[in-house]
Structure formats: C-alpha cells, structure tokens
Amino acid sequence: MNDKESIPSEAKSETRLQKSMRSALRWVLLALLAFGLGALLIAIALYFPTRQKLDKANTDLEHANVTITGKTEQINTVQTNNQTLQKNLDSATLHMYVLKALSGVRGASLAVAADDYAGARLSLTQASTALDALSSLLGADQKDMFTAMRQSAAQALADIKTDLKSAQPELVQLTKNLVQLEDNLFPNF
C-alpha cells in the first residue's frame, strides 16, 4: 500500500514553477479585471455624460441653424421690401421735382399774364431750383431734354427782365417739355 499512497502524493505536489505560474496567472487576471473595471468606470463617469452633452449640443446647433435660416429669409424679405420702397421713394421724389418745376413754370405764366414781375421771377426761380434738383435724379437719356429745359428757363428769366410778355413763348415751350418729361417718366399718372 505504500506504493499506492506515494502515487497520489506525488501527483498532488506542485512544482515551484507551477505555483509561480498560477500566482502570475491570478495577478494577470486580477490586473485584467481591474483594467476592465477602470474602463467601465471611465465610460460611465466620462464618456456617457460627454456623449449626452455632445448630442445636446448637436440638437442645439441644428435648432440654431434652423433659426438662422429663418432669420436669413426674413432679412432677404426685408431687404427686398426695402429696395422696392427705395425705388418707390426715388420715383416719388423725381415726380415731386418734375411737378415743382411744372408748378413754377405755370405760376410764372400766370404771373406774366397778370403783369406780376415779382411773381413771375419768383416762380421761375423756384422752377429753376427744381430743375437743378432734377439734374442729379434724371438718367442719361433725359439729359438732352433737361438741358433744353434749363436753357428755356434761363431765357424766360432773361426775357422777364427785359419785357414781361416776351417770356410767354419760352414758358409755353417749357411747360410742354415738362409735361412731356412727366408723361415719359410716369405714363400711368
């Protein structure tokens, strides 16, 4: 029986190398477990909250982009409306100066008919002022007609100084030119 007893005791005895390998394997497993727990702790503590913040930031960014797009469309609409209003204002200003010049010339005609030298001179001066304002507003295609009107106004003013009634033909021609200019610029009025 000694032989039987010695066999199991030899099988049960471990060598030093096996013990150290088993101990090293335990430490490696323990280190892997600690590394895994550390990675899980980092994921829970850092990655997931950061990911949630990133998702919220992306959602906020998309909302901001939609808002910016809407505001850009509003700005474009306002700019278009502003351009339209500016064109209307420029047109109304141009029309106002044409009518002021026409009013001045007609006032001068009435003053000449009434033998009112001061009234005729004042009305022609107002018409000349309106014509000067028109010079900066008219396009190149109306410049020739405008030059002729300014010359007619200057001639009428000179005629008034010499003989009040001699200015009437120039005033009639100036009235026709202004009416024609108004019809050309504002055909719907």
Protein backbone atom coordinates (compact mmCIF):
# COMPACT_ATOMS: atom_id res chain seq x y z
CA MET A 1 0.00 0.00 0.00
CA ASN A 2 2.87 2.26 0.25
CA ASP A 3 3.10 2.37 -3.48
CA LYS A 4 -0.49 3.43 -3.75
CA GLU A 5 -0.08 6.09 -1.16
CA SER A 6 3.02 7.55 -2.71
CA ILE A 7 1.48 7.89 -6.16
CA PRO A 8 -1.32 10.22 -5.12
CA SER A 9 1.00 12.35 -3.01
CA GLU A 10 3.40 12.84 -5.94
CA ALA A 11 0.51 13.87 -8.22
CA LYS A 12 -0.75 16.33 -5.69
CA SER A 13 2.53 18.01 -5.09
CA GLU A 14 3.11 21.04 -7.30
CA THR A 15 6.36 22.27 -8.53
CA ARG A 16 7.60 25.69 -7.79
CA LEU A 17 7.20 26.74 -11.40
CA GLN A 18 3.56 25.74 -11.42
CA LYS A 19 2.91 27.67 -8.22
CA SER A 20 4.53 30.80 -9.56
CA MET A 21 2.66 30.40 -12.87
CA ARG A 22 -0.62 30.04 -11.07
CA SER A 23 0.17 33.06 -8.91
CA ALA A 24 1.18 35.09 -12.00
CA LEU A 25 -1.97 33.99 -13.79
CA ARG A 26 -4.05 35.16 -10.84
CA TRP A 27 -2.29 38.55 -10.86
CA VAL A 28 -2.78 38.90 -14.63
CA LEU A 29 -6.46 38.03 -14.27
CA LEU A 30 -6.74 40.43 -11.37
CA ALA A 31 -5.00 43.17 -13.43
CA LEU A 32 -7.31 42.48 -16.40
CA LEU A 33 -10.33 42.66 -14.12
CA ALA A 34 -9.07 45.93 -12.62
CA PHE A 35 -8.40 47.32 -16.13
CA GLY A 36 -11.87 46.29 -17.28
CA LEU A 37 -13.48 47.85 -14.19
CA GLY A 38 -11.42 51.01 -14.76
CA ALA A 39 -12.50 51.18 -18.41
CA LEU A 40 -16.14 50.67 -17.35
CA LEU A 41 -15.79 53.36 -14.67
CA ILE A 42 -14.27 55.80 -17.19
CA ALA A 43 -17.05 55.05 -19.67
CA ILE A 44 -19.71 55.64 -17.03
CA ALA A 45 -18.05 58.69 -15.47
CA LEU A 46 -16.71 60.44 -18.56
CA TYR A 47 -17.83 59.01 -21.91
CA PHE A 48 -21.58 58.75 -21.42
CA PRO A 49 -22.08 62.25 -19.90
CA THR A 50 -19.82 63.75 -22.59
CA ARG A 51 -21.77 61.90 -25.26
CA GLN A 52 -25.03 63.27 -23.85
CA LYS A 53 -23.58 66.79 -23.88
CA LEU A 54 -22.45 66.29 -27.47
CA ASP A 55 -25.90 65.07 -28.50
CA LYS A 56 -27.50 68.08 -26.78
CA ALA A 57 -25.00 70.42 -28.46
CA ASN A 58 -25.79 68.88 -31.87
CA THR A 59 -29.51 69.33 -31.23
CA ASP A 60 -28.94 72.95 -30.18
CA LEU A 61 -26.79 73.50 -33.26
CA GLU A 62 -29.49 72.12 -35.56
CA HIS A 63 -32.05 74.36 -33.86
CA ALA A 64 -29.73 77.37 -34.24
CA ASN A 65 -29.21 76.56 -37.93
CA VAL A 66 -32.98 76.43 -38.48
CA THR A 67 -33.35 79.74 -36.65
CA ILE A 68 -30.53 81.31 -38.69
CA THR A 69 -32.11 80.09 -41.91
CA GLY A 70 -35.45 81.60 -40.90
CA LYS A 71 -33.84 84.89 -39.91
CA THR A 72 -31.84 84.96 -43.17
CA GLU A 73 -35.07 84.54 -45.12
CA GLN A 74 -36.64 87.35 -43.10
CA ILE A 75 -33.62 89.57 -43.79
CA ASN A 76 -33.84 88.81 -47.50
CA THR A 77 -37.54 89.67 -47.48
CA VAL A 78 -36.89 92.91 -45.60
CA GLN A 79 -34.06 93.82 -47.99
CA THR A 80 -36.28 93.15 -51.00
CA ASN A 81 -39.05 95.25 -49.47
CA ASN A 82 -36.53 97.97 -48.64
CA GLN A 83 -35.28 98.03 -52.23
CA THR A 84 -38.83 98.25 -53.52
CA LEU A 85 -39.65 101.06 -51.10
CA GLN A 86 -36.43 102.88 -52.02
CA LYS A 87 -37.33 102.66 -55.72
CA ASN A 88 -40.81 103.98 -54.93
CA LEU A 89 -39.32 106.80 -52.86
CA ASP A 90 -36.86 107.71 -55.62
CA SER A 91 -39.69 107.71 -58.15
CA ALA A 92 -41.89 109.84 -55.89
CA THR A 93 -39.01 112.28 -55.30
CA LEU A 94 -38.38 112.54 -59.03
CA HIS A 95 -42.07 113.09 -59.68
CA MET A 96 -42.22 115.71 -56.95
CA TYR A 97 -39.40 117.74 -58.54
CA VAL A 98 -40.96 117.46 -62.00
CA LEU A 99 -44.24 118.73 -60.56
CA LYS A 100 -42.45 121.51 -58.63
CA ALA A 101 -40.76 122.66 -61.83
CA LEU A 102 -44.04 122.44 -63.73
CA SER A 103 -45.83 124.34 -60.96
CA GLY A 104 -43.17 127.05 -61.01
CA VAL A 105 -43.40 127.45 -64.79
CA ARG A 106 -47.20 127.57 -64.73
CA GLY A 107 -47.06 130.04 -61.84
CA ALA A 108 -44.70 132.19 -63.89
CA SER A 109 -47.09 132.00 -66.86
CA LEU A 110 -49.96 133.14 -64.67
CA ALA A 111 -47.83 135.94 -63.21
CA VAL A 112 -46.83 137.07 -66.72
CA ALA A 113 -50.48 137.09 -67.74
CA ALA A 114 -51.27 139.21 -64.66
CA ASP A 115 -48.29 141.55 -65.30
CA ASP A 116 -46.72 140.50 -61.98
CA TYR A 117 -42.96 140.82 -62.48
CA ALA A 118 -42.03 139.76 -58.91
CA GLY A 119 -44.36 136.74 -59.00
CA ALA A 120 -43.04 135.64 -62.40
CA ARG A 121 -39.43 136.00 -61.28
CA LEU A 122 -40.09 134.12 -58.00
CA SER A 123 -41.96 131.30 -59.79
CA LEU A 124 -39.19 130.94 -62.39
CA THR A 125 -36.56 130.90 -59.66
CA GLN A 126 -38.47 128.08 -57.91
CA ALA A 127 -38.77 126.24 -61.23
CA SER A 128 -35.02 126.63 -61.82
CA THR A 129 -34.29 125.28 -58.34
CA ALA A 130 -36.48 122.25 -59.05
CA LEU A 131 -34.75 121.74 -62.41
CA ASP A 132 -31.36 121.84 -60.65
CA ALA A 133 -32.56 119.15 -58.25
CA LEU A 134 -33.80 117.10 -61.21
CA SER A 135 -30.35 117.17 -62.82
CA SER A 136 -28.98 114.71 -60.28
CA LEU A 137 -32.02 112.43 -60.49
CA LEU A 138 -32.50 112.06 -64.25
CA GLY A 139 -30.93 109.35 -66.34
CA ALA A 140 -28.59 109.96 -69.26
CA ASP A 141 -31.40 109.54 -71.81
CA GLN A 142 -33.29 112.57 -70.41
CA LYS A 143 -30.20 114.81 -70.06
CA ASP A 144 -30.62 116.40 -73.50
CA MET A 145 -34.25 117.33 -72.84
CA PHE A 146 -33.27 118.55 -69.40
CA THR A 147 -30.52 120.78 -70.84
CA ALA A 148 -33.05 122.32 -73.24
CA MET A 149 -35.43 122.95 -70.34
CA ARG A 150 -32.75 124.68 -68.28
CA GLN A 151 -31.87 126.86 -71.24
CA SER A 152 -35.56 127.71 -71.74
CA ALA A 153 -35.87 128.63 -68.07
CA ALA A 154 -32.78 130.84 -68.25
CA GLN A 155 -34.08 132.50 -71.43
CA ALA A 156 -37.51 133.08 -69.88
CA LEU A 157 -35.86 134.65 -66.83
CA ALA A 158 -33.80 136.93 -69.10
CA ASP A 159 -36.93 137.80 -71.13
CA ILE A 160 -38.85 138.69 -67.97
CA LYS A 161 -36.17 141.22 -67.04
CA THR A 162 -36.46 143.00 -70.40
CA ASP A 163 -40.11 142.56 -71.37
CA LEU A 164 -42.54 140.58 -69.24
CA LYS A 165 -44.78 139.47 -72.12
CA SER A 166 -41.86 138.28 -74.29
CA ALA A 167 -41.22 135.43 -71.84
CA GLN A 168 -44.58 133.78 -72.54
CA PRO A 169 -43.44 131.69 -75.61
CA GLU A 170 -40.49 130.30 -73.61
CA LEU A 171 -42.80 129.49 -70.69
CA VAL A 172 -45.25 127.71 -73.02
CA GLN A 173 -42.38 125.67 -74.51
CA LEU A 174 -41.00 124.89 -71.04
CA THR A 175 -44.45 123.77 -69.90
CA LYS A 176 -44.74 121.44 -72.92
CA ASN A 177 -41.28 119.99 -72.23
CA LEU A 178 -42.07 119.37 -68.57
CA VAL A 179 -45.41 117.76 -69.39
CA GLN A 180 -43.67 115.55 -71.94
CA LEU A 181 -41.00 114.63 -69.39
CA GLU A 182 -43.67 113.75 -66.86
CA ASP A 183 -45.52 111.63 -69.43
CA ASN A 184 -42.30 109.82 -70.34
CA LEU A 185 -41.28 109.16 -66.75
CA PHE A 186 -44.72 108.49 -65.29
CA PRO A 187 -47.05 107.16 -68.00
CA ASN A 188 -49.59 105.78 -65.50
CA PHE A 189 -50.32 109.13 -63.82
